[in-house]
Structures are given as structure tokens and as C-alpha cells.
Amino acid sequence: MKKLIFSAIIGAVIFGSIGFLTFVGYGAGNCDVPGKACDCFCCHMFGLRGYESCGDFGLLIGIVSGIVVGIFCYRIAWNR
């Protein structure tokens, strides 16, 4: 059981970091450009602008997908 939880935590940390950094770049490059309206889905979801809202979204998506991948890898590695 401890290995399962450890796998899920490691997956969440890795994928959460990747998702956060990816979406921060997306939000800063697409939403906070002067003269452009912020019409991306992240801005409407969290009510913030640019890298703040997209970074939060990427972190949440990364954590959830990392937990799923971590559990999947645990099941494959130990055949349980």
C-alpha cells in the first residue's frame, strides 16, 4: 500500500510540475499580450488573467493525470 501511495505522489509531483510550467508559458504568451482580449478557457474558469489562471489549471490537470499514471505504473510494475 505504501508503494502505491508513493507512486501516486511521485506521479503527481512530476506531472504537476510539467503541467504548471507548460500552462504558465501558454497563459503568459497568449493571454497577457497587450491589445489582445483574454479569451482562453483558463481565464474564464478561474477568473484571473494570463499565467495566473493557466498555471493553476495546468497544475490541477497535471496532478490528476500524474496520480492516474502513477497508479497505472504501479499496477504494471508489480502485477497487482
C-alpha atoms as a PDB file:
ATOM      1  CA  MET A   1       0.000   0.000   0.000  1.00  0.00           C
ATOM      2  CA  LYS A   2       2.868   2.369   0.769  1.00  0.00           C
ATOM      3  CA  LYS A   3       4.367   1.776  -2.674  1.00  0.00           C
ATOM      4  CA  LEU A   4       1.033   2.606  -4.308  1.00  0.00           C
ATOM      5  CA  ILE A   5       0.748   5.905  -2.443  1.00  0.00           C
ATOM      6  CA  PHE A   6       4.396   6.710  -3.142  1.00  0.00           C
ATOM      7  CA  SER A   7       3.896   6.030  -6.863  1.00  0.00           C
ATOM      8  CA  ALA A   8       0.846   8.294  -6.950  1.00  0.00           C
ATOM      9  CA  ILE A   9       2.692  11.099  -5.138  1.00  0.00           C
ATOM     10  CA  ILE A  10       5.732  10.881  -7.415  1.00  0.00           C
ATOM     11  CA  GLY A  11       3.493  10.927 -10.497  1.00  0.00           C
ATOM     12  CA  ALA A  12       1.542  13.906  -9.150  1.00  0.00           C
ATOM     13  CA  VAL A  13       4.705  15.900  -8.429  1.00  0.00           C
ATOM     14  CA  ILE A  14       6.287  15.206 -11.818  1.00  0.00           C
ATOM     15  CA  PHE A  15       3.176  15.724 -13.940  1.00  0.00           C
ATOM     16  CA  GLY A  16       2.001  18.662 -11.818  1.00  0.00           C
ATOM     17  CA  SER A  17       5.306  20.457 -12.350  1.00  0.00           C
ATOM     18  CA  ILE A  18       5.261  19.802 -16.083  1.00  0.00           C
ATOM     19  CA  GLY A  19       1.633  20.906 -16.396  1.00  0.00           C
ATOM     20  CA  PHE A  20       2.216  24.044 -14.352  1.00  0.00           C
ATOM     21  CA  LEU A  21       5.248  25.156 -16.343  1.00  0.00           C
ATOM     22  CA  THR A  22       3.612  24.361 -19.673  1.00  0.00           C
ATOM     23  CA  PHE A  23       0.417  26.264 -18.981  1.00  0.00           C
ATOM     24  CA  VAL A  24       2.201  29.213 -17.363  1.00  0.00           C
ATOM     25  CA  GLY A  25       4.009  29.704 -20.668  1.00  0.00           C
ATOM     26  CA  TYR A  26       0.764  29.343 -22.566  1.00  0.00           C
ATOM     27  CA  GLY A  27      -1.045  31.922 -20.456  1.00  0.00           C
ATOM     28  CA  ALA A  28       1.787  34.420 -20.500  1.00  0.00           C
ATOM     29  CA  GLY A  29       2.213  34.115 -24.254  1.00  0.00           C
ATOM     30  CA  ASN A  30      -1.439  34.166 -25.279  1.00  0.00           C
ATOM     31  CA  CYS A  31      -3.472  35.993 -22.657  1.00  0.00           C
ATOM     32  CA  ASP A  32      -1.326  38.851 -21.392  1.00  0.00           C
ATOM     33  CA  VAL A  33      -0.300  40.277 -24.745  1.00  0.00           C
ATOM     34  CA  PRO A  34      -1.316  43.960 -24.870  1.00  0.00           C
ATOM     35  CA  GLY A  35      -4.124  44.609 -27.316  1.00  0.00           C
ATOM     36  CA  LYS A  36      -5.462  41.050 -27.208  1.00  0.00           C
ATOM     37  CA  ALA A  37      -8.558  40.062 -25.314  1.00  0.00           C
ATOM     38  CA  CYS A  38      -8.141  37.220 -22.873  1.00  0.00           C
ATOM     39  CA  ASP A  39     -10.455  34.639 -24.387  1.00  0.00           C
ATOM     40  CA  CYS A  40      -8.700  31.471 -23.287  1.00  0.00           C
ATOM     41  CA  PHE A  41     -10.628  28.904 -21.274  1.00  0.00           C
ATOM     42  CA  CYS A  42      -8.335  29.171 -18.233  1.00  0.00           C
ATOM     43  CA  CYS A  43      -9.106  32.851 -17.709  1.00  0.00           C
ATOM     44  CA  HIS A  44     -12.839  32.215 -17.689  1.00  0.00           C
ATOM     45  CA  MET A  45     -12.546  29.180 -15.439  1.00  0.00           C
ATOM     46  CA  PHE A  46     -10.562  30.792 -12.611  1.00  0.00           C
ATOM     47  CA  GLY A  47     -11.489  34.437 -13.120  1.00  0.00           C
ATOM     48  CA  LEU A  48      -7.855  35.514 -13.342  1.00  0.00           C
ATOM     49  CA  ARG A  49      -5.733  36.621 -16.272  1.00  0.00           C
ATOM     50  CA  GLY A  50      -2.847  35.083 -18.146  1.00  0.00           C
ATOM     51  CA  TYR A  51      -0.241  32.968 -16.429  1.00  0.00           C
ATOM     52  CA  GLU A  52      -2.067  33.033 -13.072  1.00  0.00           C
ATOM     53  CA  SER A  53      -5.169  31.230 -14.289  1.00  0.00           C
ATOM     54  CA  CYS A  54      -3.471  28.965 -16.821  1.00  0.00           C
ATOM     55  CA  GLY A  55      -0.800  27.950 -14.291  1.00  0.00           C
ATOM     56  CA  ASP A  56      -3.473  26.900 -11.797  1.00  0.00           C
ATOM     57  CA  PHE A  57      -5.291  24.905 -14.463  1.00  0.00           C
ATOM     58  CA  GLY A  58      -2.090  23.165 -15.593  1.00  0.00           C
ATOM     59  CA  LEU A  59      -1.194  22.281 -12.022  1.00  0.00           C
ATOM     60  CA  LEU A  60      -4.590  20.707 -11.350  1.00  0.00           C
ATOM     61  CA  ILE A  61      -4.645  18.756 -14.606  1.00  0.00           C
ATOM     62  CA  GLY A  62      -1.047  17.637 -14.070  1.00  0.00           C
ATOM     63  CA  ILE A  63      -1.706  16.396 -10.546  1.00  0.00           C
ATOM     64  CA  VAL A  64      -4.782  14.410 -11.534  1.00  0.00           C
ATOM     65  CA  SER A  65      -3.125  12.848 -14.572  1.00  0.00           C
ATOM     66  CA  GLY A  66       0.046  12.170 -12.556  1.00  0.00           C
ATOM     67  CA  ILE A  67      -1.895  10.262  -9.922  1.00  0.00           C
ATOM     68  CA  VAL A  68      -3.556   8.141 -12.605  1.00  0.00           C
ATOM     69  CA  VAL A  69      -0.245   7.447 -14.368  1.00  0.00           C
ATOM     70  CA  GLY A  70       1.483   6.671 -11.050  1.00  0.00           C
ATOM     71  CA  ILE A  71      -1.169   4.120 -10.085  1.00  0.00           C
ATOM     72  CA  PHE A  72      -1.100   2.630 -13.585  1.00  0.00           C
ATOM     73  CA  CYS A  73       2.702   2.243 -13.450  1.00  0.00           C
ATOM     74  CA  TYR A  74       2.460   0.638 -10.020  1.00  0.00           C
ATOM     75  CA  ARG A  75      -0.084  -1.879 -11.293  1.00  0.00           C
ATOM     76  CA  ILE A  76       2.108  -2.745 -14.278  1.00  0.00           C
ATOM     77  CA  ALA A  77       5.341  -2.979 -12.284  1.00  0.00           C
ATOM     78  CA  TRP A  78       4.018  -5.219  -9.519  1.00  0.00           C
ATOM     79  CA  ASN A  79       1.230  -7.044 -11.451  1.00  0.00           C
ATOM     80  CA  ARG A  80      -1.473  -6.346  -8.874  1.00  0.00           C
END
